[in-house]
Amino acid sequence: MAQEQGLDLVEVSDKADPPVCRIMNYDKFRYELKKKQQEAKKKQTTIETREIKFRPKTEEHDLNFKIRKIKEFLEEKNKVKVTMRFRGREIVYAETLGLEALNKIADLLREDCVIIQEPKMEGRQLVMFVGPKS
């Protein structure tokens, strides 16, 4: 019957008894399936993780500039990894200046974001993750 109509015989379910088949234009079916997948991919949102790096003695103006940049990333619905890097003998300030600075940043961002991970030491870096409010 499929050959008479110039269509394809497609097996839908081979587990059923008897197996289920359908007469259709298989190329058209594949084309429509590909279009549906592309449409679903368009609607899908991807969340990136952006990173902002600080130093323990970052000045006020630079700090405000970077905080403004973090807010922009959060508006784009991205997560942000806030990193404070300690070089050489600066590691002594990790528990004092570093923690104070990241807590200050967290306080300034509280109304715009959710703190995913509180500041914690990872090697010579103090790391905090923030995400957009839902």
Protein backbone atom coordinates (compact mmCIF):
# COMPACT_ATOMS: atom_id res chain seq x y z
CA MET A 1 0.00 0.00 0.00
CA ALA A 2 2.87 2.37 0.87
CA GLN A 3 4.58 1.82 -2.50
CA GLU A 4 1.31 2.42 -4.35
CA GLN A 5 0.92 5.80 -2.61
CA GLY A 6 4.61 6.68 -3.04
CA LEU A 7 5.16 6.84 0.74
CA ASP A 8 7.25 4.94 3.28
CA LEU A 9 6.24 2.16 5.67
CA VAL A 10 7.63 3.14 9.10
CA GLU A 11 7.68 0.79 12.07
CA VAL A 12 6.40 2.72 15.10
CA SER A 13 6.57 0.05 17.81
CA ASP A 14 8.30 -3.27 17.40
CA LYS A 15 7.52 -4.41 20.97
CA ALA A 16 3.76 -4.56 20.37
CA ASP A 17 2.11 -7.75 19.19
CA PRO A 18 1.57 -7.42 16.24
CA PRO A 19 4.18 -4.69 15.47
CA VAL A 20 2.67 -1.25 14.77
CA CYS A 21 3.53 0.43 11.43
CA ARG A 22 2.51 3.68 9.82
CA ILE A 23 2.39 4.81 6.20
CA MET A 24 3.97 8.28 5.94
CA ASN A 25 6.49 10.43 4.12
CA TYR A 26 9.54 9.72 6.29
CA ASP A 27 11.66 12.59 4.95
CA LYS A 28 8.94 15.09 5.80
CA PHE A 29 8.61 13.55 9.28
CA ARG A 30 12.38 13.88 9.90
CA TYR A 31 12.32 17.50 8.68
CA GLU A 32 9.45 18.42 11.03
CA LEU A 33 11.17 16.65 13.95
CA LYS A 34 14.37 18.61 13.29
CA LYS A 35 12.39 21.87 13.19
CA LYS A 36 10.75 21.06 16.56
CA GLN A 37 14.15 20.36 18.10
CA GLN A 38 15.55 23.66 16.80
CA GLU A 39 12.56 25.53 18.18
CA ALA A 40 12.98 23.89 21.60
CA LYS A 41 16.68 24.78 21.55
CA LYS A 42 15.85 28.44 20.85
CA LYS A 43 13.59 28.67 23.88
CA GLN A 44 16.19 27.03 26.11
CA THR A 45 18.13 29.40 28.36
CA THR A 46 21.72 28.76 29.32
CA ILE A 47 23.17 30.01 32.57
CA GLU A 48 26.81 30.95 32.41
CA THR A 49 29.16 31.40 35.33
CA ARG A 50 31.03 34.67 35.06
CA GLU A 51 34.02 35.51 37.23
CA ILE A 52 35.11 38.76 38.85
CA LYS A 53 38.52 38.91 40.52
CA PHE A 54 39.58 41.19 43.37
CA ARG A 55 42.72 41.75 45.40
CA PRO A 56 42.70 42.44 49.14
CA LYS A 57 43.75 46.07 48.72
CA THR A 58 41.38 46.96 45.87
CA GLU A 59 40.42 50.63 46.20
CA GLU A 60 36.86 51.87 46.74
CA HIS A 61 36.30 53.17 43.20
CA ASP A 62 37.51 49.95 41.57
CA LEU A 63 35.40 47.95 44.01
CA ASN A 64 32.27 49.93 43.08
CA PHE A 65 33.03 49.52 39.38
CA LYS A 66 33.34 45.74 39.73
CA ILE A 67 30.18 45.55 41.83
CA ARG A 68 28.33 47.39 39.05
CA LYS A 69 29.70 44.80 36.60
CA ILE A 70 28.48 41.96 38.86
CA LYS A 71 25.00 43.52 38.86
CA GLU A 72 25.05 43.59 35.04
CA PHE A 73 25.94 39.89 34.95
CA LEU A 74 23.11 39.12 37.37
CA GLU A 75 20.63 41.05 35.22
CA GLU A 76 21.62 38.78 32.32
CA LYS A 77 20.66 35.83 34.58
CA ASN A 78 24.24 34.59 34.94
CA LYS A 79 25.86 33.23 38.08
CA VAL A 80 28.93 35.11 39.27
CA LYS A 81 32.03 33.70 40.93
CA VAL A 82 33.60 36.40 43.10
CA THR A 83 37.27 35.62 43.70
CA MET A 84 39.74 37.38 45.97
CA ARG A 85 43.28 36.32 45.19
CA PHE A 86 46.14 36.58 47.68
CA ARG A 87 49.73 36.75 46.44
CA GLY A 88 52.82 36.24 48.53
CA ARG A 89 52.52 37.55 52.07
CA GLU A 90 49.01 38.89 51.46
CA ILE A 91 47.71 35.48 52.57
CA VAL A 92 48.04 36.77 56.15
CA TYR A 93 45.05 39.07 55.44
CA ALA A 94 42.79 36.27 54.18
CA GLU A 95 40.79 35.89 57.38
CA THR A 96 40.60 39.62 58.14
CA LEU A 97 40.69 42.02 55.16
CA GLY A 98 39.65 39.40 52.61
CA LEU A 99 36.61 38.15 54.52
CA GLU A 100 35.55 41.71 55.40
CA ALA A 101 35.79 42.78 51.75
CA LEU A 102 33.74 39.82 50.46
CA ASN A 103 31.14 40.29 53.20
CA LYS A 104 30.92 43.98 52.22
CA ILE A 105 30.39 42.98 48.58
CA ALA A 106 27.74 40.45 49.65
CA ASP A 107 25.92 43.13 51.68
CA LEU A 108 25.92 45.54 48.72
CA LEU A 109 24.50 42.81 46.44
CA ARG A 110 21.90 41.31 48.81
CA GLU A 111 18.87 43.03 47.22
CA ASP A 112 19.96 42.03 43.67
CA CYS A 113 21.04 38.44 44.18
CA VAL A 114 21.10 35.25 46.19
CA ILE A 115 24.33 34.12 47.85
CA ILE A 116 24.79 30.56 46.58
CA GLN A 117 28.03 29.89 48.45
CA GLU A 118 29.38 31.95 51.32
CA PRO A 119 33.04 33.04 51.11
CA LYS A 120 35.42 30.13 51.60
CA MET A 121 39.15 29.56 51.09
CA GLU A 122 40.27 27.49 48.10
CA GLY A 123 44.05 27.42 48.15
CA ARG A 124 45.26 31.02 47.95
CA GLN A 125 41.86 32.34 46.90
CA LEU A 126 38.74 33.32 48.78
CA VAL A 127 35.74 32.33 46.65
CA MET A 128 32.03 33.24 46.82
CA PHE A 129 29.24 32.38 44.36
CA VAL A 130 26.19 34.61 43.79
CA GLY A 131 23.21 33.98 41.55
CA PRO A 132 20.28 36.01 40.22
CA LYS A 133 17.06 36.25 42.21
CA SER A 134 14.29 34.15 40.71
